[in-house]
Amino acid sequence: LPPSVLNGPLSRQRAWSWTGCDLAGVE
């Protein structure tokens, strides 16, 4: 694919977070 900031060498540092909502609305 064309170069992207989302691709490249990885470091050892990670960030992890989450979001969400009620499933009924999505269904």
mmCIF file of all heavy atoms, coordinates in Angstrom:
data_MODEL
# 
_entry.id   MODEL 
# 
loop_
_atom_site.group_PDB 
_atom_site.id 
_atom_site.type_symbol 
_atom_site.label_atom_id 
_atom_site.label_alt_id 
_atom_site.label_comp_id 
_atom_site.label_asym_id 
_atom_site.label_entity_id 
_atom_site.label_seq_id 
_atom_site.pdbx_PDB_ins_code 
_atom_site.Cartn_x 
_atom_site.Cartn_y 
_atom_site.Cartn_z 
_atom_site.occupancy 
_atom_site.B_iso_or_equiv 
_atom_site.pdbx_formal_charge 
_atom_site.auth_seq_id 
_atom_site.auth_comp_id 
_atom_site.auth_asym_id 
_atom_site.auth_atom_id 
_atom_site.pdbx_PDB_model_num 
ATOM 1   N N   . LEU A 1 1  ? 0.830   -1.190 0.000  1.00 0.00 ? 1  LEU A N   1 
ATOM 2   C CA  . LEU A 1 1  ? 0.000   0.000  0.000  1.00 0.00 ? 1  LEU A CA  1 
ATOM 3   C C   . LEU A 1 1  ? 0.874   1.253  0.000  1.00 0.00 ? 1  LEU A C   1 
ATOM 4   O O   . LEU A 1 1  ? 2.067   1.183  0.302  1.00 0.00 ? 1  LEU A O   1 
ATOM 5   C CB  . LEU A 1 1  ? -0.889  -0.006 1.249  1.00 0.00 ? 1  LEU A CB  1 
ATOM 6   C CG  . LEU A 1 1  ? -1.799  -1.211 1.442  1.00 0.00 ? 1  LEU A CG  1 
ATOM 7   C CD1 . LEU A 1 1  ? -2.507  -1.112 2.788  1.00 0.00 ? 1  LEU A CD1 1 
ATOM 8   C CD2 . LEU A 1 1  ? -2.812  -1.316 0.317  1.00 0.00 ? 1  LEU A CD2 1 
ATOM 9   N N   . PRO A 1 2  ? 0.285   2.423  -0.330 1.00 0.00 ? 2  PRO A N   1 
ATOM 10  C CA  . PRO A 1 2  ? 1.049   3.672  -0.218 1.00 0.00 ? 2  PRO A CA  1 
ATOM 11  C C   . PRO A 1 2  ? 1.531   3.876  1.217  1.00 0.00 ? 2  PRO A C   1 
ATOM 12  O O   . PRO A 1 2  ? 0.903   3.386  2.169  1.00 0.00 ? 2  PRO A O   1 
ATOM 13  C CB  . PRO A 1 2  ? 0.029   4.747  -0.623 1.00 0.00 ? 2  PRO A CB  1 
ATOM 14  C CG  . PRO A 1 2  ? -0.982  4.023  -1.456 1.00 0.00 ? 2  PRO A CG  1 
ATOM 15  C CD  . PRO A 1 2  ? -1.057  2.637  -0.885 1.00 0.00 ? 2  PRO A CD  1 
ATOM 16  N N   . PRO A 1 3  ? 2.648   4.574  1.424  1.00 0.00 ? 3  PRO A N   1 
ATOM 17  C CA  . PRO A 1 3  ? 3.152   4.811  2.782  1.00 0.00 ? 3  PRO A CA  1 
ATOM 18  C C   . PRO A 1 3  ? 2.099   5.463  3.669  1.00 0.00 ? 3  PRO A C   1 
ATOM 19  O O   . PRO A 1 3  ? 1.301   6.284  3.221  1.00 0.00 ? 3  PRO A O   1 
ATOM 20  C CB  . PRO A 1 3  ? 4.338   5.751  2.551  1.00 0.00 ? 3  PRO A CB  1 
ATOM 21  C CG  . PRO A 1 3  ? 4.763   5.496  1.139  1.00 0.00 ? 3  PRO A CG  1 
ATOM 22  C CD  . PRO A 1 3  ? 3.503   5.179  0.388  1.00 0.00 ? 3  PRO A CD  1 
ATOM 23  N N   . SER A 1 4  ? 2.090   5.069  4.935  1.00 0.00 ? 4  SER A N   1 
ATOM 24  C CA  . SER A 1 4  ? 1.095   5.580  5.876  1.00 0.00 ? 4  SER A CA  1 
ATOM 25  C C   . SER A 1 4  ? 1.713   5.673  7.256  1.00 0.00 ? 4  SER A C   1 
ATOM 26  O O   . SER A 1 4  ? 2.582   4.869  7.623  1.00 0.00 ? 4  SER A O   1 
ATOM 27  C CB  . SER A 1 4  ? -0.124  4.654  5.912  1.00 0.00 ? 4  SER A CB  1 
ATOM 28  O OG  . SER A 1 4  ? -0.944  4.924  7.028  1.00 0.00 ? 4  SER A OG  1 
ATOM 29  N N   . VAL A 1 5  ? 1.239   6.638  8.027  1.00 0.00 ? 5  VAL A N   1 
ATOM 30  C CA  . VAL A 1 5  ? 1.694   6.765  9.404  1.00 0.00 ? 5  VAL A CA  1 
ATOM 31  C C   . VAL A 1 5  ? 1.258   5.561  10.239 1.00 0.00 ? 5  VAL A C   1 
ATOM 32  O O   . VAL A 1 5  ? 1.808   5.296  11.311 1.00 0.00 ? 5  VAL A O   1 
ATOM 33  C CB  . VAL A 1 5  ? 1.147   8.077  10.020 1.00 0.00 ? 5  VAL A CB  1 
ATOM 34  C CG1 . VAL A 1 5  ? -0.360  7.994  10.194 1.00 0.00 ? 5  VAL A CG1 1 
ATOM 35  C CG2 . VAL A 1 5  ? 1.819   8.394  11.338 1.00 0.00 ? 5  VAL A CG2 1 
ATOM 36  N N   . LEU A 1 6  ? 0.284   4.799  9.727  1.00 0.00 ? 6  LEU A N   1 
ATOM 37  C CA  . LEU A 1 6  ? -0.216  3.635  10.446 1.00 0.00 ? 6  LEU A CA  1 
ATOM 38  C C   . LEU A 1 6  ? 0.646   2.403  10.246 1.00 0.00 ? 6  LEU A C   1 
ATOM 39  O O   . LEU A 1 6  ? 0.421   1.384  10.893 1.00 0.00 ? 6  LEU A O   1 
ATOM 40  C CB  . LEU A 1 6  ? -1.650  3.330  9.996  1.00 0.00 ? 6  LEU A CB  1 
ATOM 41  C CG  . LEU A 1 6  ? -2.658  4.460  10.188 1.00 0.00 ? 6  LEU A CG  1 
ATOM 42  C CD1 . LEU A 1 6  ? -4.008  4.077  9.603  1.00 0.00 ? 6  LEU A CD1 1 
ATOM 43  C CD2 . LEU A 1 6  ? -2.795  4.822  11.656 1.00 0.00 ? 6  LEU A CD2 1 
ATOM 44  N N   . ASN A 1 7  ? 1.618   2.484  9.348  1.00 0.00 ? 7  ASN A N   1 
ATOM 45  C CA  . ASN A 1 7  ? 2.557   1.387  9.116  1.00 0.00 ? 7  ASN A CA  1 
ATOM 46  C C   . ASN A 1 7  ? 3.977   1.850  9.378  1.00 0.00 ? 7  ASN A C   1 
ATOM 47  O O   . ASN A 1 7  ? 4.327   2.990  9.099  1.00 0.00 ? 7  ASN A O   1 
ATOM 48  C CB  . ASN A 1 7  ? 2.472   0.886  7.663  1.00 0.00 ? 7  ASN A CB  1 
ATOM 49  C CG  . ASN A 1 7  ? 1.279   -0.017 7.437  1.00 0.00 ? 7  ASN A CG  1 
ATOM 50  O OD1 . ASN A 1 7  ? 0.248   0.446  7.018  1.00 0.00 ? 7  ASN A OD1 1 
ATOM 51  N ND2 . ASN A 1 7  ? 1.439   -1.285 7.722  1.00 0.00 ? 7  ASN A ND2 1 
ATOM 52  N N   . GLY A 1 8  ? 4.789   0.941  9.893  1.00 0.00 ? 8  GLY A N   1 
ATOM 53  C CA  . GLY A 1 8  ? 6.195   1.267  10.088 1.00 0.00 ? 8  GLY A CA  1 
ATOM 54  C C   . GLY A 1 8  ? 6.786   0.461  11.221 1.00 0.00 ? 8  GLY A C   1 
ATOM 55  O O   . GLY A 1 8  ? 6.107   -0.353 11.866 1.00 0.00 ? 8  GLY A O   1 
ATOM 56  N N   . PRO A 1 9  ? 8.070   0.660  11.489 1.00 0.00 ? 9  PRO A N   1 
ATOM 57  C CA  . PRO A 1 9  ? 8.725   -0.056 12.589 1.00 0.00 ? 9  PRO A CA  1 
ATOM 58  C C   . PRO A 1 9  ? 8.011   0.188  13.914 1.00 0.00 ? 9  PRO A C   1 
ATOM 59  O O   . PRO A 1 9  ? 7.494   1.283  14.166 1.00 0.00 ? 9  PRO A O   1 
ATOM 60  C CB  . PRO A 1 9  ? 10.139  0.536  12.597 1.00 0.00 ? 9  PRO A CB  1 
ATOM 61  C CG  . PRO A 1 9  ? 10.336  1.085  11.217 1.00 0.00 ? 9  PRO A CG  1 
ATOM 62  C CD  . PRO A 1 9  ? 8.993   1.552  10.772 1.00 0.00 ? 9  PRO A CD  1 
ATOM 63  N N   . LEU A 1 10 ? 7.979   -0.841 14.754 1.00 0.00 ? 10 LEU A N   1 
ATOM 64  C CA  . LEU A 1 10 ? 7.300   -0.760 16.039 1.00 0.00 ? 10 LEU A CA  1 
ATOM 65  C C   . LEU A 1 10 ? 8.294   -0.563 17.168 1.00 0.00 ? 10 LEU A C   1 
ATOM 66  O O   . LEU A 1 10 ? 9.400   -1.099 17.140 1.00 0.00 ? 10 LEU A O   1 
ATOM 67  C CB  . LEU A 1 10 ? 6.487   -2.031 16.290 1.00 0.00 ? 10 LEU A CB  1 
ATOM 68  C CG  . LEU A 1 10 ? 5.437   -2.399 15.227 1.00 0.00 ? 10 LEU A CG  1 
ATOM 69  C CD1 . LEU A 1 10 ? 4.718   -3.679 15.642 1.00 0.00 ? 10 LEU A CD1 1 
ATOM 70  C CD2 . LEU A 1 10 ? 4.446   -1.282 15.012 1.00 0.00 ? 10 LEU A CD2 1 
ATOM 71  N N   . SER A 1 11 ? 7.881   0.199  18.170 1.00 0.00 ? 11 SER A N   1 
ATOM 72  C CA  . SER A 1 11 ? 8.677   0.349  19.382 1.00 0.00 ? 11 SER A CA  1 
ATOM 73  C C   . SER A 1 11 ? 8.212   -0.687 20.407 1.00 0.00 ? 11 SER A C   1 
ATOM 74  O O   . SER A 1 11 ? 7.372   -1.544 20.110 1.00 0.00 ? 11 SER A O   1 
ATOM 75  C CB  . SER A 1 11 ? 8.521   1.765  19.942 1.00 0.00 ? 11 SER A CB  1 
ATOM 76  O OG  . SER A 1 11 ? 7.223   1.931  20.508 1.00 0.00 ? 11 SER A OG  1 
ATOM 77  N N   . ARG A 1 12 ? 8.706   -0.577 21.617 1.00 0.00 ? 12 ARG A N   1 
ATOM 78  C CA  . ARG A 1 12 ? 8.288   -1.494 22.678 1.00 0.00 ? 12 ARG A CA  1 
ATOM 79  C C   . ARG A 1 12 ? 7.164   -0.916 23.531 1.00 0.00 ? 12 ARG A C   1 
ATOM 80  O O   . ARG A 1 12 ? 6.702   -1.567 24.471 1.00 0.00 ? 12 ARG A O   1 
ATOM 81  C CB  . ARG A 1 12 ? 9.484   -1.829 23.581 1.00 0.00 ? 12 ARG A CB  1 
ATOM 82  C CG  . ARG A 1 12 ? 10.604  -2.565 22.855 1.00 0.00 ? 12 ARG A CG  1 
ATOM 83  C CD  . ARG A 1 12 ? 11.705  -2.940 23.824 1.00 0.00 ? 12 ARG A CD  1 
ATOM 84  N NE  . ARG A 1 12 ? 12.775  -3.681 23.161 1.00 0.00 ? 12 ARG A NE  1 
ATOM 85  C CZ  . ARG A 1 12 ? 13.856  -4.153 23.781 1.00 0.00 ? 12 ARG A CZ  1 
ATOM 86  N NH1 . ARG A 1 12 ? 13.995  -3.966 25.082 1.00 0.00 ? 12 ARG A NH1 1 
ATOM 87  N NH2 . ARG A 1 12 ? 14.774  -4.825 23.110 1.00 0.00 ? 12 ARG A NH2 1 
ATOM 88  N N   . GLN A 1 13 ? 6.728   0.280  23.221 1.00 0.00 ? 13 GLN A N   1 
ATOM 89  C CA  . GLN A 1 13 ? 5.733   0.957  24.030 1.00 0.00 ? 13 GLN A CA  1 
ATOM 90  C C   . GLN A 1 13 ? 4.339   0.765  23.428 1.00 0.00 ? 13 GLN A C   1 
ATOM 91  O O   . GLN A 1 13 ? 4.161   0.846  22.211 1.00 0.00 ? 13 GLN A O   1 
ATOM 92  C CB  . GLN A 1 13 ? 6.046   2.452  24.129 1.00 0.00 ? 13 GLN A CB  1 
ATOM 93  C CG  . GLN A 1 13 ? 7.445   2.753  24.620 1.00 0.00 ? 13 GLN A CG  1 
ATOM 94  C CD  . GLN A 1 13 ? 7.713   2.158  25.999 1.00 0.00 ? 13 GLN A CD  1 
ATOM 95  O OE1 . GLN A 1 13 ? 6.871   2.235  26.893 1.00 0.00 ? 13 GLN A OE1 1 
ATOM 96  N NE2 . GLN A 1 13 ? 8.884   1.569  26.169 1.00 0.00 ? 13 GLN A NE2 1 
ATOM 97  N N   . ARG A 1 14 ? 3.351   0.524  24.300 1.00 0.00 ? 14 ARG A N   1 
ATOM 98  C CA  . ARG A 1 14 ? 1.993   0.289  23.848 1.00 0.00 ? 14 ARG A CA  1 
ATOM 99  C C   . ARG A 1 14 ? 1.015   1.187  24.606 1.00 0.00 ? 14 ARG A C   1 
ATOM 100 O O   . ARG A 1 14 ? 1.196   1.500  25.784 1.00 0.00 ? 14 ARG A O   1 
ATOM 101 C CB  . ARG A 1 14 ? 1.581   -1.179 24.064 1.00 0.00 ? 14 ARG A CB  1 
ATOM 102 C CG  . ARG A 1 14 ? 2.455   -2.175 23.329 1.00 0.00 ? 14 ARG A CG  1 
ATOM 103 C CD  . ARG A 1 14 ? 2.196   -2.133 21.830 1.00 0.00 ? 14 ARG A CD  1 
ATOM 104 N NE  . ARG A 1 14 ? 3.006   -3.099 21.118 1.00 0.00 ? 14 ARG A NE  1 
ATOM 105 C CZ  . ARG A 1 14 ? 4.198   -2.818 20.597 1.00 0.00 ? 14 ARG A CZ  1 
ATOM 106 N NH1 . ARG A 1 14 ? 4.713   -1.592 20.728 1.00 0.00 ? 14 ARG A NH1 1 
ATOM 107 N NH2 . ARG A 1 14 ? 4.881   -3.736 19.942 1.00 0.00 ? 14 ARG A NH2 1 
ATOM 108 N N   . ALA A 1 15 ? -0.031  1.582  23.893 1.00 0.00 ? 15 ALA A N   1 
ATOM 109 C CA  . ALA A 1 15 ? -1.168  2.276  24.502 1.00 0.00 ? 15 ALA A CA  1 
ATOM 110 C C   . ALA A 1 15 ? -2.410  1.432  24.241 1.00 0.00 ? 15 ALA A C   1 
ATOM 111 O O   . ALA A 1 15 ? -2.570  0.875  23.152 1.00 0.00 ? 15 ALA A O   1 
ATOM 112 C CB  . ALA A 1 15 ? -1.332  3.667  23.895 1.00 0.00 ? 15 ALA A CB  1 
ATOM 113 N N   . TRP A 1 16 ? -3.276  1.351  25.242 1.00 0.00 ? 16 TRP A N   1 
ATOM 114 C CA  . TRP A 1 16 ? -4.482  0.528  25.108 1.00 0.00 ? 16 TRP A CA  1 
ATOM 115 C C   . TRP A 1 16 ? -5.635  1.243  25.802 1.00 0.00 ? 16 TRP A C   1 
ATOM 116 O O   . TRP A 1 16 ? -5.521  1.654  26.963 1.00 0.00 ? 16 TRP A O   1 
ATOM 117 C CB  . TRP A 1 16 ? -4.261  -0.840 25.737 1.00 0.00 ? 16 TRP A CB  1 
ATOM 118 C CG  . TRP A 1 16 ? -5.461  -1.744 25.738 1.00 0.00 ? 16 TRP A CG  1 
ATOM 119 C CD1 . TRP A 1 16 ? -6.249  -2.058 24.672 1.00 0.00 ? 16 TRP A CD1 1 
ATOM 120 C CD2 . TRP A 1 16 ? -6.003  -2.449 26.863 1.00 0.00 ? 16 TRP A CD2 1 
ATOM 121 N NE1 . TRP A 1 16 ? -7.261  -2.931 25.049 1.00 0.00 ? 16 TRP A NE1 1 
ATOM 122 C CE2 . TRP A 1 16 ? -7.123  -3.190 26.385 1.00 0.00 ? 16 TRP A CE2 1 
ATOM 123 C CE3 . TRP A 1 16 ? -5.650  -2.545 28.202 1.00 0.00 ? 16 TRP A CE3 1 
ATOM 124 C CZ2 . TRP A 1 16 ? -7.889  -3.990 27.219 1.00 0.00 ? 16 TRP A CZ2 1 
ATOM 125 C CZ3 . TRP A 1 16 ? -6.418  -3.347 29.039 1.00 0.00 ? 16 TRP A CZ3 1 
ATOM 126 C CH2 . TRP A 1 16 ? -7.522  -4.069 28.547 1.00 0.00 ? 16 TRP A CH2 1 
ATOM 127 N N   . SER A 1 17 ? -6.716  1.425  25.072 1.00 0.00 ? 17 SER A N   1 
ATOM 128 C CA  . SER A 1 17 ? -7.900  2.058  25.647 1.00 0.00 ? 17 SER A CA  1 
ATOM 129 C C   . SER A 1 17 ? -9.128  1.536  24.923 1.00 0.00 ? 17 SER A C   1 
ATOM 130 O O   . SER A 1 17 ? -9.012  0.772  23.960 1.00 0.00 ? 17 SER A O   1 
ATOM 131 C CB  . SER A 1 17 ? -7.802  3.582  25.528 1.00 0.00 ? 17 SER A CB  1 
ATOM 132 O OG  . SER A 1 17 ? -8.856  4.202  26.267 1.00 0.00 ? 17 SER A OG  1 
ATOM 133 N N   . TRP A 1 18 ? -10.306 1.951  25.388 1.00 0.00 ? 18 TRP A N   1 
ATOM 134 C CA  . TRP A 1 18 ? -11.508 1.391  24.804 1.00 0.00 ? 18 TRP A CA  1 
ATOM 135 C C   . TRP A 1 18 ? -12.665 2.378  24.883 1.00 0.00 ? 18 TRP A C   1 
ATOM 136 O O   . TRP A 1 18 ? -12.642 3.359  25.627 1.00 0.00 ? 18 TRP A O   1 
ATOM 137 C CB  . TRP A 1 18 ? -11.892 0.084  25.478 1.00 0.00 ? 18 TRP A CB  1 
ATOM 138 C CG  . TRP A 1 18 ? -12.067 0.163  26.963 1.00 0.00 ? 18 TRP A CG  1 
ATOM 139 C CD1 . TRP A 1 18 ? -13.230 0.417  27.647 1.00 0.00 ? 18 TRP A CD1 1 
ATOM 140 C CD2 . TRP A 1 18 ? -11.047 -0.003 27.961 1.00 0.00 ? 18 TRP A CD2 1 
ATOM 141 N NE1 . TRP A 1 18 ? -13.003 0.411  29.005 1.00 0.00 ? 18 TRP A NE1 1 
ATOM 142 C CE2 . TRP A 1 18 ? -11.677 0.160  29.218 1.00 0.00 ? 18 TRP A CE2 1 
ATOM 143 C CE3 . TRP A 1 18 ? -9.682  -0.281 27.913 1.00 0.00 ? 18 TRP A CE3 1 
ATOM 144 C CZ2 . TRP A 1 18 ? -10.968 0.059  30.424 1.00 0.00 ? 18 TRP A CZ2 1 
ATOM 145 C CZ3 . TRP A 1 18 ? -8.978  -0.383 29.096 1.00 0.00 ? 18 TRP A CZ3 1 
ATOM 146 C CH2 . TRP A 1 18 ? -9.618  -0.220 30.334 1.00 0.00 ? 18 TRP A CH2 1 
ATOM 147 N N   . THR A 1 19 ? -13.677 2.097  24.086 1.00 0.00 ? 19 THR A N   1 
ATOM 148 C CA  . THR A 1 19 ? -14.906 2.863  24.058 1.00 0.00 ? 19 THR A CA  1 
ATOM 149 C C   . THR A 1 19 ? -16.041 1.899  23.772 1.00 0.00 ? 19 THR A C   1 
ATOM 150 O O   . THR A 1 19 ? -15.797 0.740  23.426 1.00 0.00 ? 19 THR A O   1 
ATOM 151 C CB  . THR A 1 19 ? -14.848 3.963  22.970 1.00 0.00 ? 19 THR A CB  1 
ATOM 152 O OG1 . THR A 1 19 ? -16.021 4.779  23.034 1.00 0.00 ? 19 THR A OG1 1 
ATOM 153 C CG2 . THR A 1 19 ? -14.760 3.362  21.566 1.00 0.00 ? 19 THR A CG2 1 
ATOM 154 N N   . GLY A 1 20 ? -17.280 2.342  23.914 1.00 0.00 ? 20 GLY A N   1 
ATOM 155 C CA  . GLY A 1 20 ? -18.380 1.427  23.667 1.00 0.00 ? 20 GLY A CA  1 
ATOM 156 C C   . GLY A 1 20 ? -19.732 2.087  23.805 1.00 0.00 ? 20 GLY A C   1 
ATOM 157 O O   . GLY A 1 20 ? -19.848 3.300  24.002 1.00 0.00 ? 20 GLY A O   1 
ATOM 158 N N   . CYS A 1 21 ? -20.773 1.271  23.676 1.00 0.00 ? 21 CYS A N   1 
ATOM 159 C CA  . CYS A 1 21 ? -22.144 1.757  23.783 1.00 0.00 ? 21 CYS A CA  1 
ATOM 160 C C   . CYS A 1 21 ? -23.055 0.558  24.027 1.00 0.00 ? 21 CYS A C   1 
ATOM 161 O O   . CYS A 1 21 ? -22.608 -0.591 24.026 1.00 0.00 ? 21 CYS A O   1 
ATOM 162 C CB  . CYS A 1 21 ? -22.558 2.512  22.523 1.00 0.00 ? 21 CYS A CB  1 
ATOM 163 S SG  . CYS A 1 21 ? -22.636 1.468  21.042 1.00 0.00 ? 21 CYS A SG  1 
ATOM 164 N N   . ASP A 1 22 ? -24.358 0.832  24.196 1.00 0.00 ? 22 ASP A N   1 
ATOM 165 C CA  . ASP A 1 22 ? -25.325 -0.252 24.354 1.00 0.00 ? 22 ASP A CA  1 
ATOM 166 C C   . ASP A 1 22 ? -25.444 -1.019 23.042 1.00 0.00 ? 22 ASP A C   1 
ATOM 167 O O   . ASP A 1 22 ? -25.531 -0.435 21.957 1.00 0.00 ? 22 ASP A O   1 
ATOM 168 C CB  . ASP A 1 22 ? -26.689 0.306  24.753 1.00 0.00 ? 22 ASP A CB  1 
ATOM 169 C CG  . ASP A 1 22 ? -26.703 0.820  26.186 1.00 0.00 ? 22 ASP A CG  1 
ATOM 170 O OD1 . ASP A 1 22 ? -25.832 0.399  26.968 1.00 0.00 ? 22 ASP A OD1 1 
ATOM 171 O OD2 . ASP A 1 22 ? -27.571 1.660  26.500 1.00 0.00 ? 22 ASP A OD2 1 
ATOM 172 N N   . LEU A 1 23 ? -25.483 -2.336 23.144 1.00 0.00 ? 23 LEU A N   1 
ATOM 173 C CA  . LEU A 1 23 ? -25.574 -3.182 21.958 1.00 0.00 ? 23 LEU A CA  1 
ATOM 174 C C   . LEU A 1 23 ? -26.928 -3.043 21.270 1.00 0.00 ? 23 LEU A C   1 
ATOM 175 O O   . LEU A 1 23 ? -27.016 -3.128 20.039 1.00 0.00 ? 23 LEU A O   1 
ATOM 176 C CB  . LEU A 1 23 ? -25.320 -4.640 22.349 1.00 0.00 ? 23 LEU A CB  1 
ATOM 177 C CG  . LEU A 1 23 ? -25.420 -5.691 21.246 1.00 0.00 ? 23 LEU A CG  1 
ATOM 178 C CD1 . LEU A 1 23 ? -24.407 -5.422 20.144 1.00 0.00 ? 23 LEU A CD1 1 
ATOM 179 C CD2 . LEU A 1 23 ? -25.218 -7.096 21.837 1.00 0.00 ? 23 LEU A CD2 1 
ATOM 180 N N   . ALA A 1 24 ? -27.993 -2.800 22.028 1.00 0.00 ? 24 ALA A N   1 
ATOM 181 C CA  . ALA A 1 24 ? -29.335 -2.751 21.455 1.00 0.00 ? 24 ALA A CA  1 
ATOM 182 C C   . ALA A 1 24 ? -29.440 -1.682 20.374 1.00 0.00 ? 24 ALA A C   1 
ATOM 183 O O   . ALA A 1 24 ? -30.063 -1.902 19.324 1.00 0.00 ? 24 ALA A O   1 
ATOM 184 C CB  . ALA A 1 24 ? -30.370 -2.494 22.553 1.00 0.00 ? 24 ALA A CB  1 
ATOM 185 N N   . GLY A 1 25 ? -28.843 -0.522 20.604 1.00 0.00 ? 25 GLY A N   1 
ATOM 186 C CA  . GLY A 1 25 ? -28.896 0.545  19.614 1.00 0.00 ? 25 GLY A CA  1 
ATOM 187 C C   . GLY A 1 25 ? -28.186 0.173  18.331 1.00 0.00 ? 25 GLY A C   1 
ATOM 188 O O   . GLY A 1 25 ? -28.661 0.473  17.230 1.00 0.00 ? 25 GLY A O   1 
ATOM 189 N N   . VAL A 1 26 ? -27.052 -0.488 18.455 1.00 0.00 ? 26 VAL A N   1 
ATOM 190 C CA  . VAL A 1 26 ? -26.293 -0.911 17.272 1.00 0.00 ? 26 VAL A CA  1 
ATOM 191 C C   . VAL A 1 26 ? -27.073 -1.973 16.503 1.00 0.00 ? 26 VAL A C   1 
ATOM 192 O O   . VAL A 1 26 ? -27.145 -1.931 15.265 1.00 0.00 ? 26 VAL A O   1 
ATOM 193 C CB  . VAL A 1 26 ? -24.908 -1.444 17.691 1.00 0.00 ? 26 VAL A CB  1 
ATOM 194 C CG1 . VAL A 1 26 ? -24.132 -1.957 16.483 1.00 0.00 ? 26 VAL A CG1 1 
ATOM 195 C CG2 . VAL A 1 26 ? -24.117 -0.358 18.407 1.00 0.00 ? 26 VAL A CG2 1 
ATOM 196 N N   . GLU A 1 27 ? -27.664 -2.916 17.216 1.00 0.00 ? 27 GLU A N   1 
ATOM 197 C CA  . GLU A 1 27 ? -28.452 -3.956 16.546 1.00 0.00 ? 27 GLU A CA  1 
ATOM 198 C C   . GLU A 1 27 ? -29.684 -3.353 15.860 1.00 0.00 ? 27 GLU A C   1 
ATOM 199 O O   . GLU A 1 27 ? -30.079 -3.821 14.777 1.00 0.00 ? 27 GLU A O   1 
ATOM 200 C CB  . GLU A 1 27 ? -28.863 -5.016 17.559 1.00 0.00 ? 27 GLU A CB  1 
ATOM 201 C CG  . GLU A 1 27 ? -27.698 -5.861 18.063 1.00 0.00 ? 27 GLU A CG  1 
ATOM 202 C CD  . GLU A 1 27 ? -28.121 -6.906 19.064 1.00 0.00 ? 27 GLU A CD  1 
ATOM 203 O OE1 . GLU A 1 27 ? -29.115 -6.657 19.793 1.00 0.00 ? 27 GLU A OE1 1 
ATOM 204 O OE2 . GLU A 1 27 ? -27.483 -7.966 19.137 1.00 0.00 ? 27 GLU A OE2 1 
# 
